[in-house]
């Protein structure tokens, strides 16, 4: 059974940092494109960052230069380093795994809350 488990969320002051982790129990994790999304109250879920099997990364404009996505295939884990956090970054952050081969192999974690106080 596929599971994605996020951790590392919490309460931080504006300007601070957090590092989110997503541990994935996925066969052939190394081929999956991994994403981070977030959803603030009353808002739709939005893309934050992604990393491909080859290590190519992509970021939402709102987090470029502040957030860094990385992966450790030996640990089946993807990370999101978040620096210079702003109150607007407050949201539930979700990990997503997408197979590049089978579109139906798309999985979500349960989310972790990030709250940034001003």
C-alpha atoms as a PDB file:
ATOM      1  CA  UNK A   1       0.000   0.000   0.000  1.00  0.00           C
ATOM      2  CA  UNK A   2       1.390   3.372  -1.026  1.00  0.00           C
ATOM      3  CA  UNK A   3       1.828   5.903   1.747  1.00  0.00           C
ATOM      4  CA  UNK A   4       3.203   9.419   1.809  1.00  0.00           C
ATOM      5  CA  UNK A   5       3.848  10.818   5.273  1.00  0.00           C
ATOM      6  CA  UNK A   6       4.697  14.495   5.688  1.00  0.00           C
ATOM      7  CA  UNK A   7       6.409  15.910   8.753  1.00  0.00           C
ATOM      8  CA  UNK A   8       8.229  19.014   9.875  1.00  0.00           C
ATOM      9  CA  UNK A   9       5.407  21.508   9.947  1.00  0.00           C
ATOM     10  CA  UNK A  10       4.801  23.859  12.842  1.00  0.00           C
ATOM     11  CA  UNK A  11       4.581  27.428  14.027  1.00  0.00           C
ATOM     12  CA  UNK A  12       7.350  29.845  13.100  1.00  0.00           C
ATOM     13  CA  UNK A  13       7.805  33.595  13.112  1.00  0.00           C
ATOM     14  CA  UNK A  14       8.043  35.555   9.891  1.00  0.00           C
ATOM     15  CA  UNK A  15      11.570  35.389   8.536  1.00  0.00           C
ATOM     16  CA  UNK A  16      12.157  31.980  10.029  1.00  0.00           C
ATOM     17  CA  UNK A  17      12.759  28.598   8.421  1.00  0.00           C
ATOM     18  CA  UNK A  18      11.248  25.149   8.383  1.00  0.00           C
ATOM     19  CA  UNK A  19      12.182  21.930   6.649  1.00  0.00           C
ATOM     20  CA  UNK A  20       9.396  19.630   5.565  1.00  0.00           C
ATOM     21  CA  UNK A  21       9.947  15.950   4.862  1.00  0.00           C
ATOM     22  CA  UNK A  22       7.831  13.460   2.960  1.00  0.00           C
ATOM     23  CA  UNK A  23       8.619   9.795   3.449  1.00  0.00           C
ATOM     24  CA  UNK A  24       7.193   7.644   0.687  1.00  0.00           C
ATOM     25  CA  UNK A  25       6.533   3.948   0.704  1.00  0.00           C
ATOM     26  CA  UNK A  26       6.488   3.621  -3.082  1.00  0.00           C
ATOM     27  CA  UNK A  27       8.053   0.976  -5.194  1.00  0.00           C
ATOM     28  CA  UNK A  28      10.458   2.569  -7.673  1.00  0.00           C
ATOM     29  CA  UNK A  29      10.323   5.885  -5.801  1.00  0.00           C
ATOM     30  CA  UNK A  30      13.320   7.118  -7.780  1.00  0.00           C
ATOM     31  CA  UNK A  31      11.346   7.398 -11.028  1.00  0.00           C
ATOM     32  CA  UNK A  32       8.496   9.453  -9.577  1.00  0.00           C
ATOM     33  CA  UNK A  33       8.193  13.190  -9.975  1.00  0.00           C
ATOM     34  CA  UNK A  34       7.619  14.546  -6.497  1.00  0.00           C
ATOM     35  CA  UNK A  35       5.645  17.690  -5.764  1.00  0.00           C
ATOM     36  CA  UNK A  36       4.778  19.920  -2.873  1.00  0.00           C
ATOM     37  CA  UNK A  37       1.426  21.688  -2.887  1.00  0.00           C
ATOM     38  CA  UNK A  38      -0.228  23.864  -0.276  1.00  0.00           C
ATOM     39  CA  UNK A  39      -3.723  24.906   0.639  1.00  0.00           C
ATOM     40  CA  UNK A  40      -4.637  27.881   2.775  1.00  0.00           C
ATOM     41  CA  UNK A  41      -8.087  28.201   4.374  1.00  0.00           C
ATOM     42  CA  UNK A  42     -10.659  29.234   1.793  1.00  0.00           C
ATOM     43  CA  UNK A  43      -8.208  28.799  -1.067  1.00  0.00           C
ATOM     44  CA  UNK A  44      -7.642  26.138  -3.681  1.00  0.00           C
ATOM     45  CA  UNK A  45      -4.688  23.821  -3.439  1.00  0.00           C
ATOM     46  CA  UNK A  46      -1.744  25.375  -5.255  1.00  0.00           C
ATOM     47  CA  UNK A  47       1.537  24.138  -6.653  1.00  0.00           C
ATOM     48  CA  UNK A  48       4.669  24.990  -4.674  1.00  0.00           C
ATOM     49  CA  UNK A  49       7.575  22.987  -6.096  1.00  0.00           C
ATOM     50  CA  UNK A  50       8.481  19.825  -7.978  1.00  0.00           C
ATOM     51  CA  UNK A  51      11.511  17.657  -8.615  1.00  0.00           C
ATOM     52  CA  UNK A  52      11.885  15.053 -11.346  1.00  0.00           C
ATOM     53  CA  UNK A  53      13.736  11.769 -11.310  1.00  0.00           C
ATOM     54  CA  UNK A  54      16.677  13.600 -12.893  1.00  0.00           C
ATOM     55  CA  UNK A  55      16.707  16.287 -10.233  1.00  0.00           C
ATOM     56  CA  UNK A  56      15.154  19.015 -12.361  1.00  0.00           C
ATOM     57  CA  UNK A  57      13.243  21.434 -10.183  1.00  0.00           C
ATOM     58  CA  UNK A  58      10.430  23.874 -10.697  1.00  0.00           C
ATOM     59  CA  UNK A  59       8.961  26.448  -8.313  1.00  0.00           C
ATOM     60  CA  UNK A  60       5.948  28.673  -8.006  1.00  0.00           C
ATOM     61  CA  UNK A  61       6.903  32.316  -8.488  1.00  0.00           C
ATOM     62  CA  UNK A  62       5.786  33.089  -4.947  1.00  0.00           C
ATOM     63  CA  UNK A  63       8.455  30.851  -3.406  1.00  0.00           C
ATOM     64  CA  UNK A  64      11.358  31.172  -5.852  1.00  0.00           C
ATOM     65  CA  UNK A  65      14.563  32.075  -4.087  1.00  0.00           C
ATOM     66  CA  UNK A  66      13.150  31.150  -0.678  1.00  0.00           C
ATOM     67  CA  UNK A  67      12.185  27.461  -0.945  1.00  0.00           C
ATOM     68  CA  UNK A  68      14.328  24.545  -2.096  1.00  0.00           C
ATOM     69  CA  UNK A  69      13.045  21.096  -2.993  1.00  0.00           C
ATOM     70  CA  UNK A  70      15.358  18.102  -2.858  1.00  0.00           C
ATOM     71  CA  UNK A  71      15.150  14.336  -2.740  1.00  0.00           C
ATOM     72  CA  UNK A  72      17.066  11.424  -1.276  1.00  0.00           C
ATOM     73  CA  UNK A  73      16.235   8.338  -3.301  1.00  0.00           C
ATOM     74  CA  UNK A  74      18.116   6.087  -0.895  1.00  0.00           C
ATOM     75  CA  UNK A  75      15.679   7.146   1.824  1.00  0.00           C
ATOM     76  CA  UNK A  76      12.571   7.439  -0.378  1.00  0.00           C
ATOM     77  CA  UNK A  77      12.193  10.965   0.935  1.00  0.00           C
ATOM     78  CA  UNK A  78      11.586  14.387  -0.540  1.00  0.00           C
ATOM     79  CA  UNK A  79      12.272  17.612   1.338  1.00  0.00           C
ATOM     80  CA  UNK A  80      11.165  21.208   1.181  1.00  0.00           C
ATOM     81  CA  UNK A  81      13.508  23.708   2.803  1.00  0.00           C
ATOM     82  CA  UNK A  82      11.574  26.893   3.458  1.00  0.00           C
ATOM     83  CA  UNK A  83      13.477  30.061   4.324  1.00  0.00           C
ATOM     84  CA  UNK A  84      12.424  33.665   4.814  1.00  0.00           C
ATOM     85  CA  UNK A  85       8.927  32.519   5.611  1.00  0.00           C
ATOM     86  CA  UNK A  86       6.049  34.958   5.332  1.00  0.00           C
ATOM     87  CA  UNK A  87       2.564  34.931   6.867  1.00  0.00           C
ATOM     88  CA  UNK A  88       1.231  34.271   3.341  1.00  0.00           C
ATOM     89  CA  UNK A  89       3.042  30.926   3.420  1.00  0.00           C
ATOM     90  CA  UNK A  90       0.648  29.725   6.107  1.00  0.00           C
ATOM     91  CA  UNK A  91      -1.119  26.645   4.765  1.00  0.00           C
ATOM     92  CA  UNK A  92      -1.377  22.892   4.932  1.00  0.00           C
ATOM     93  CA  UNK A  93       1.464  21.497   2.836  1.00  0.00           C
ATOM     94  CA  UNK A  94       0.903  18.298   0.882  1.00  0.00           C
ATOM     95  CA  UNK A  95       3.330  15.909  -0.733  1.00  0.00           C
ATOM     96  CA  UNK A  96       2.402  14.374  -4.088  1.00  0.00           C
ATOM     97  CA  UNK A  97       3.966  11.595  -6.109  1.00  0.00           C
ATOM     98  CA  UNK A  98       3.324  11.241  -9.826  1.00  0.00           C
ATOM     99  CA  UNK A  99       4.591   8.383 -11.946  1.00  0.00           C
ATOM    100  CA  UNK A 100       5.937   9.588 -15.318  1.00  0.00           C
ATOM    101  CA  UNK A 101       4.961   6.244 -16.837  1.00  0.00           C
ATOM    102  CA  UNK A 102       1.479   5.527 -15.430  1.00  0.00           C
ATOM    103  CA  UNK A 103      -0.690   8.666 -14.983  1.00  0.00           C
ATOM    104  CA  UNK A 104      -3.045   6.771 -12.704  1.00  0.00           C
ATOM    105  CA  UNK A 105      -0.219   6.302 -10.208  1.00  0.00           C
ATOM    106  CA  UNK A 106      -0.732   9.610  -8.426  1.00  0.00           C
ATOM    107  CA  UNK A 107      -0.579   9.716  -4.646  1.00  0.00           C
ATOM    108  CA  UNK A 108      -1.072  12.287  -1.895  1.00  0.00           C
ATOM    109  CA  UNK A 109      -0.008  12.575   1.700  1.00  0.00           C
ATOM    110  CA  UNK A 110      -2.230  13.733   4.524  1.00  0.00           C
ATOM    111  CA  UNK A 111      -0.600  17.147   4.825  1.00  0.00           C
ATOM    112  CA  UNK A 112       1.306  19.042   7.485  1.00  0.00           C
ATOM    113  CA  UNK A 113       0.340  22.435   8.886  1.00  0.00           C
ATOM    114  CA  UNK A 114       2.700  25.373   8.524  1.00  0.00           C
ATOM    115  CA  UNK A 115       1.783  28.557  10.370  1.00  0.00           C
ATOM    116  CA  UNK A 116       3.842  31.711  10.025  1.00  0.00           C
ATOM    117  CA  UNK A 117       3.150  34.460  12.539  1.00  0.00           C
ATOM    118  CA  UNK A 118       3.814  38.114  11.826  1.00  0.00           C
END
